[in-house]
Amino acid sequence: MRSSAHQDSARMNHLLAALPKDEFTRLEPLLEPVSLELGQVIYESGEKLDHIYFPTTAIISLLYIMENGSTAEIGMSGNDGLVGIALYMGGSTTPSRAVVQSAGNSFRLRSKDLNDEFSLGGTFQKVLLRYTQSLMTQISQTAVCNRLHSVQKQLCRWLLINHDLLQTNKLIMTHDLIANMLGVRREGVSIAAGQLQQMGLIRYVRGTITILDRDGLLAYACECYQVVKDEYDRLLGTYISKNR
């Protein structure tokens, strides 16, 4: 990981944007900008966490690693959230691995500074706890989706989430990467992507997926995407809209 004097505003992260001016002003000097590279591991399973991360343009995946080395994504965070909930939930380690799925920028905060601000019990604490509840919904719904829905439906959900976080129609995503995230075979992703392409919803060329019809993708996706989005908006929408 390398530090960077990138020009992103910390307020590009929705949780930090939800803070009132006095809390953000107190926190801002403690936020360190960092650039995150594709595939970079933020922390490993069982490893002690020293920082919490607030992505601005990066996307970070939370992966569960099985004993045989196979992986499955249990959640993801971009400018809508944070990585490192264990630091304010009473622990300092987690059984998952956090890895950069899409390169970009983030701000990080030392664990001591995090807990000092959290202990004040202001909006910062409320926003982080509400985000934790929304993340629990995302993790639970991902487990249900992976168990009950087809690879096509899972892929639709995954593309829609990435589209929200990156706010671009072009996603740099190989089938191998998607397969690792969804915990399915590469061949299954290739077939599902081909079917979505035939339906005119996406175009896939040399590792780049272009979303051609978001509304069509949303209509074809299972309910899991909307359940998670609605819960996030219910828990955090008021805070975010009030202070933006």
Protein backbone atom coordinates (compact mmCIF):
# COMPACT_ATOMS: atom_id res chain seq x y z
CA MET A 1 0.00 0.00 0.00
CA ARG A 2 1.28 3.44 -0.78
CA SER A 3 0.14 6.74 0.63
CA SER A 4 -1.01 9.27 -1.89
CA ALA A 5 -1.80 12.96 -1.86
CA HIS A 6 -4.79 12.28 -4.10
CA GLN A 7 -7.32 15.04 -4.42
CA ASP A 8 -10.41 13.06 -3.43
CA SER A 9 -12.48 14.70 -0.74
CA ALA A 10 -13.23 12.49 2.23
CA ARG A 11 -16.84 13.62 1.80
CA MET A 12 -16.98 11.46 -1.34
CA ASN A 13 -17.51 8.62 1.14
CA HIS A 14 -21.20 8.64 2.02
CA LEU A 15 -20.68 7.82 5.70
CA LEU A 16 -18.24 10.66 6.19
CA ALA A 17 -20.56 12.91 4.19
CA ALA A 18 -23.32 12.07 6.67
CA LEU A 19 -21.44 13.69 9.57
CA PRO A 20 -22.38 17.17 10.78
CA LYS A 21 -19.79 19.87 10.17
CA ASP A 22 -18.36 19.92 13.70
CA GLU A 23 -17.75 16.17 13.80
CA PHE A 24 -16.25 16.05 10.33
CA THR A 25 -13.98 19.03 11.07
CA ARG A 26 -12.67 17.23 14.16
CA LEU A 27 -12.11 14.00 12.25
CA GLU A 28 -10.74 15.32 8.95
CA PRO A 29 -7.10 15.97 10.07
CA LEU A 30 -6.89 12.35 11.28
CA LEU A 31 -7.95 10.85 7.94
CA GLU A 32 -5.02 9.57 5.87
CA PRO A 33 -5.47 9.32 2.08
CA VAL A 34 -4.24 6.06 0.53
CA SER A 35 -4.25 4.60 -2.97
CA LEU A 36 -5.32 0.97 -3.23
CA GLU A 37 -4.23 -1.37 -6.02
CA LEU A 38 -6.25 -4.14 -7.64
CA GLY A 39 -5.84 -7.38 -5.69
CA GLN A 40 -4.22 -5.67 -2.70
CA VAL A 41 -5.04 -7.38 0.60
CA ILE A 42 -6.17 -4.86 3.23
CA TYR A 43 -6.21 -7.47 5.98
CA GLU A 44 -6.10 -11.23 6.24
CA SER A 45 -8.37 -13.57 8.18
CA GLY A 46 -7.40 -13.52 11.86
CA GLU A 47 -5.02 -10.60 11.40
CA LYS A 48 -5.11 -7.69 13.85
CA LEU A 49 -6.63 -4.58 12.31
CA ASP A 50 -4.86 -1.25 12.80
CA HIS A 51 -7.01 1.00 10.61
CA ILE A 52 -10.56 1.42 9.43
CA TYR A 53 -11.00 2.30 5.72
CA PHE A 54 -13.49 4.69 4.11
CA PRO A 55 -13.27 4.09 0.33
CA THR A 56 -13.96 6.95 -2.07
CA THR A 57 -13.29 5.41 -5.51
CA ALA A 58 -12.03 1.92 -4.60
CA ILE A 59 -14.20 -1.15 -4.01
CA ILE A 60 -13.13 -3.62 -1.33
CA SER A 61 -14.51 -7.16 -1.14
CA LEU A 62 -14.92 -9.20 2.02
CA LEU A 63 -14.04 -12.80 1.23
CA TYR A 64 -14.45 -15.96 3.26
CA ILE A 65 -11.56 -18.37 2.71
CA MET A 66 -12.16 -22.12 3.05
CA GLU A 67 -9.51 -24.57 4.23
CA ASN A 68 -8.96 -25.76 0.65
CA GLY A 69 -8.29 -22.18 -0.49
CA SER A 70 -11.57 -21.61 -2.30
CA THR A 71 -13.21 -18.23 -1.73
CA ALA A 72 -16.64 -16.61 -1.78
CA GLU A 73 -17.56 -12.98 -1.42
CA ILE A 74 -19.76 -12.26 1.59
CA GLY A 75 -19.95 -8.49 1.15
CA MET A 76 -18.41 -5.48 -0.52
CA SER A 77 -17.84 -1.85 0.34
CA GLY A 78 -17.17 1.22 -1.75
CA ASN A 79 -18.01 4.87 -1.28
CA ASP A 80 -21.20 3.75 0.45
CA GLY A 81 -19.43 2.30 3.46
CA LEU A 82 -16.31 1.26 5.32
CA VAL A 83 -14.05 -1.72 5.98
CA GLY A 84 -13.05 -2.76 9.49
CA ILE A 85 -16.23 -2.95 11.59
CA ALA A 86 -14.46 -5.24 14.10
CA LEU A 87 -12.53 -2.24 15.43
CA TYR A 88 -15.61 -0.57 16.90
CA MET A 89 -17.68 -3.69 17.58
CA GLY A 90 -15.45 -4.94 20.38
CA GLY A 91 -12.90 -6.98 18.46
CA SER A 92 -9.73 -6.39 16.52
CA THR A 93 -9.74 -9.39 14.15
CA THR A 94 -12.17 -10.91 11.67
CA PRO A 95 -12.50 -14.34 10.00
CA SER A 96 -12.75 -12.78 6.52
CA ARG A 97 -10.17 -11.36 4.12
CA ALA A 98 -10.52 -7.85 2.71
CA VAL A 99 -9.14 -7.46 -0.82
CA VAL A 100 -9.32 -4.63 -3.34
CA GLN A 101 -11.73 -5.59 -6.11
CA SER A 102 -11.50 -2.31 -7.99
CA ALA A 103 -8.42 -0.08 -7.67
CA GLY A 104 -8.93 3.44 -6.41
CA ASN A 105 -8.62 5.71 -3.40
CA SER A 106 -9.63 5.56 0.21
CA PHE A 107 -9.13 7.31 3.51
CA ARG A 108 -8.08 5.40 6.58
CA LEU A 109 -8.28 6.17 10.28
CA ARG A 110 -6.13 4.70 13.05
CA SER A 111 -7.95 2.42 15.48
CA LYS A 112 -7.22 4.69 18.47
CA ASP A 113 -8.59 7.77 16.70
CA LEU A 114 -11.60 5.76 15.59
CA ASN A 115 -12.44 4.60 19.09
CA ASP A 116 -11.84 8.05 20.61
CA GLU A 117 -14.41 9.57 18.23
CA PHE A 118 -16.78 6.59 18.50
CA SER A 119 -16.82 6.82 22.31
CA LEU A 120 -18.19 10.38 22.14
CA GLY A 121 -21.52 8.91 21.09
CA GLY A 122 -22.35 11.47 18.41
CA THR A 123 -23.58 11.08 14.85
CA PHE A 124 -20.34 9.25 13.96
CA GLN A 125 -21.27 6.43 16.32
CA LYS A 126 -24.87 6.28 15.10
CA VAL A 127 -23.84 6.22 11.43
CA LEU A 128 -21.27 3.45 11.97
CA LEU A 129 -23.73 1.29 13.90
CA ARG A 130 -26.43 1.77 11.29
CA TYR A 131 -23.96 0.89 8.54
CA THR A 132 -23.07 -2.28 10.46
CA GLN A 133 -26.73 -3.29 10.47
CA SER A 134 -26.98 -2.66 6.72
CA LEU A 135 -23.81 -4.70 6.15
CA MET A 136 -25.31 -7.57 8.14
CA THR A 137 -28.29 -7.45 5.79
CA GLN A 138 -25.96 -7.49 2.78
CA ILE A 139 -24.03 -10.50 4.11
CA SER A 140 -27.22 -12.40 4.99
CA GLN A 141 -28.85 -11.66 1.65
CA THR A 142 -25.68 -12.66 -0.23
CA ALA A 143 -25.73 -16.03 1.53
CA VAL A 144 -29.38 -16.54 0.59
CA CYS A 145 -28.77 -15.45 -3.00
CA ASN A 146 -25.78 -17.76 -3.44
CA ARG A 147 -27.79 -20.68 -2.08
CA LEU A 148 -31.14 -20.19 -3.84
CA HIS A 149 -30.61 -18.22 -7.03
CA SER A 150 -29.01 -19.04 -10.37
CA VAL A 151 -25.58 -17.78 -11.41
CA GLN A 152 -27.36 -15.46 -13.85
CA LYS A 153 -29.34 -13.85 -11.02
CA GLN A 154 -26.24 -13.61 -8.81
CA LEU A 155 -24.30 -11.99 -11.64
CA CYS A 156 -27.07 -9.42 -12.18
CA ARG A 157 -27.01 -8.52 -8.48
CA TRP A 158 -23.22 -8.26 -8.47
CA LEU A 159 -23.13 -6.07 -11.59
CA LEU A 160 -25.80 -3.74 -10.24
CA ILE A 161 -23.92 -3.22 -6.97
CA ASN A 162 -20.67 -2.51 -8.81
CA HIS A 163 -22.48 -0.14 -11.15
CA ASP A 164 -23.82 1.80 -8.14
CA LEU A 165 -20.41 2.07 -6.50
CA LEU A 166 -18.38 2.92 -9.62
CA GLN A 167 -21.06 5.02 -11.36
CA THR A 168 -19.84 3.95 -14.78
CA ASN A 169 -21.32 1.64 -17.40
CA LYS A 170 -17.91 0.06 -18.10
CA LEU A 171 -16.66 -2.41 -15.50
CA ILE A 172 -13.18 -3.95 -15.73
CA MET A 173 -14.04 -7.46 -14.58
CA THR A 174 -12.66 -10.78 -15.83
CA HIS A 175 -14.72 -13.94 -15.58
CA ASP A 176 -12.06 -15.40 -13.26
CA LEU A 177 -12.46 -12.47 -10.86
CA ILE A 178 -16.24 -12.70 -10.87
CA ALA A 179 -16.11 -16.48 -10.36
CA ASN A 180 -13.84 -16.05 -7.33
CA MET A 181 -16.14 -13.44 -5.85
CA LEU A 182 -19.33 -15.43 -6.40
CA GLY A 183 -17.73 -18.72 -5.37
CA VAL A 184 -18.77 -20.47 -8.60
CA ARG A 185 -16.97 -22.07 -11.55
CA ARG A 186 -15.58 -19.80 -14.27
CA GLU A 187 -17.56 -21.72 -16.87
CA GLY A 188 -20.78 -20.84 -15.03
CA VAL A 189 -19.94 -17.14 -15.15
CA SER A 190 -19.08 -17.35 -18.86
CA ILE A 191 -22.41 -19.01 -19.65
CA ALA A 192 -24.37 -16.53 -17.50
CA ALA A 193 -22.57 -13.52 -19.03
CA GLY A 194 -23.19 -14.90 -22.52
CA GLN A 195 -26.90 -15.25 -21.81
CA LEU A 196 -27.12 -11.68 -20.45
CA GLN A 197 -25.30 -10.50 -23.56
CA GLN A 198 -27.74 -12.31 -25.84
CA MET A 199 -30.58 -10.58 -23.98
CA GLY A 200 -28.98 -7.23 -24.80
CA LEU A 201 -28.37 -6.34 -21.14
CA ILE A 202 -24.55 -6.28 -21.22
CA ARG A 203 -21.62 -6.49 -23.63
CA TYR A 204 -18.46 -8.36 -22.65
CA VAL A 205 -15.21 -7.79 -24.54
CA ARG A 206 -11.69 -8.60 -23.28
CA GLY A 207 -12.29 -8.24 -19.58
CA THR A 208 -14.60 -5.24 -19.87
CA ILE A 209 -18.30 -5.55 -19.13
CA THR A 210 -20.45 -2.72 -20.45
CA ILE A 211 -23.92 -2.38 -18.97
CA LEU A 212 -26.22 -1.61 -21.89
CA ASP A 213 -29.61 -1.78 -20.17
CA ARG A 214 -29.58 -1.17 -16.41
CA ASP A 215 -33.37 -1.20 -16.15
CA GLY A 216 -33.46 -4.55 -17.94
CA LEU A 217 -30.75 -5.88 -15.65
CA LEU A 218 -32.69 -4.70 -12.61
CA ALA A 219 -35.90 -6.27 -13.88
CA TYR A 220 -34.17 -9.61 -14.48
CA ALA A 221 -32.25 -9.64 -11.18
CA CYS A 222 -33.59 -11.44 -8.12
CA GLU A 223 -35.02 -9.46 -5.20
CA CYS A 224 -31.73 -9.60 -3.25
CA TYR A 225 -30.25 -6.44 -4.77
CA GLN A 226 -33.29 -4.30 -3.94
CA VAL A 227 -33.65 -5.72 -0.41
CA VAL A 228 -30.10 -4.65 0.46
CA LYS A 229 -30.43 -1.24 -1.20
CA ASP A 230 -33.74 -0.49 0.52
CA GLU A 231 -32.33 -1.41 3.93
CA TYR A 232 -29.28 0.80 3.40
CA ASP A 233 -31.50 3.72 2.39
CA ARG A 234 -33.81 3.13 5.36
CA LEU A 235 -30.95 3.12 7.86
CA LEU A 236 -28.71 5.83 6.42
CA GLY A 237 -30.66 7.83 3.87
CA THR A 238 -31.77 10.52 6.32
CA TYR A 239 -28.25 11.12 7.65
CA ILE A 240 -26.70 11.25 4.20
CA SER A 241 -29.28 13.59 2.65
CA LYS A 242 -29.24 15.92 5.69
CA ASN A 243 -25.51 16.71 5.55
CA ARG A 244 -24.67 16.54 1.83
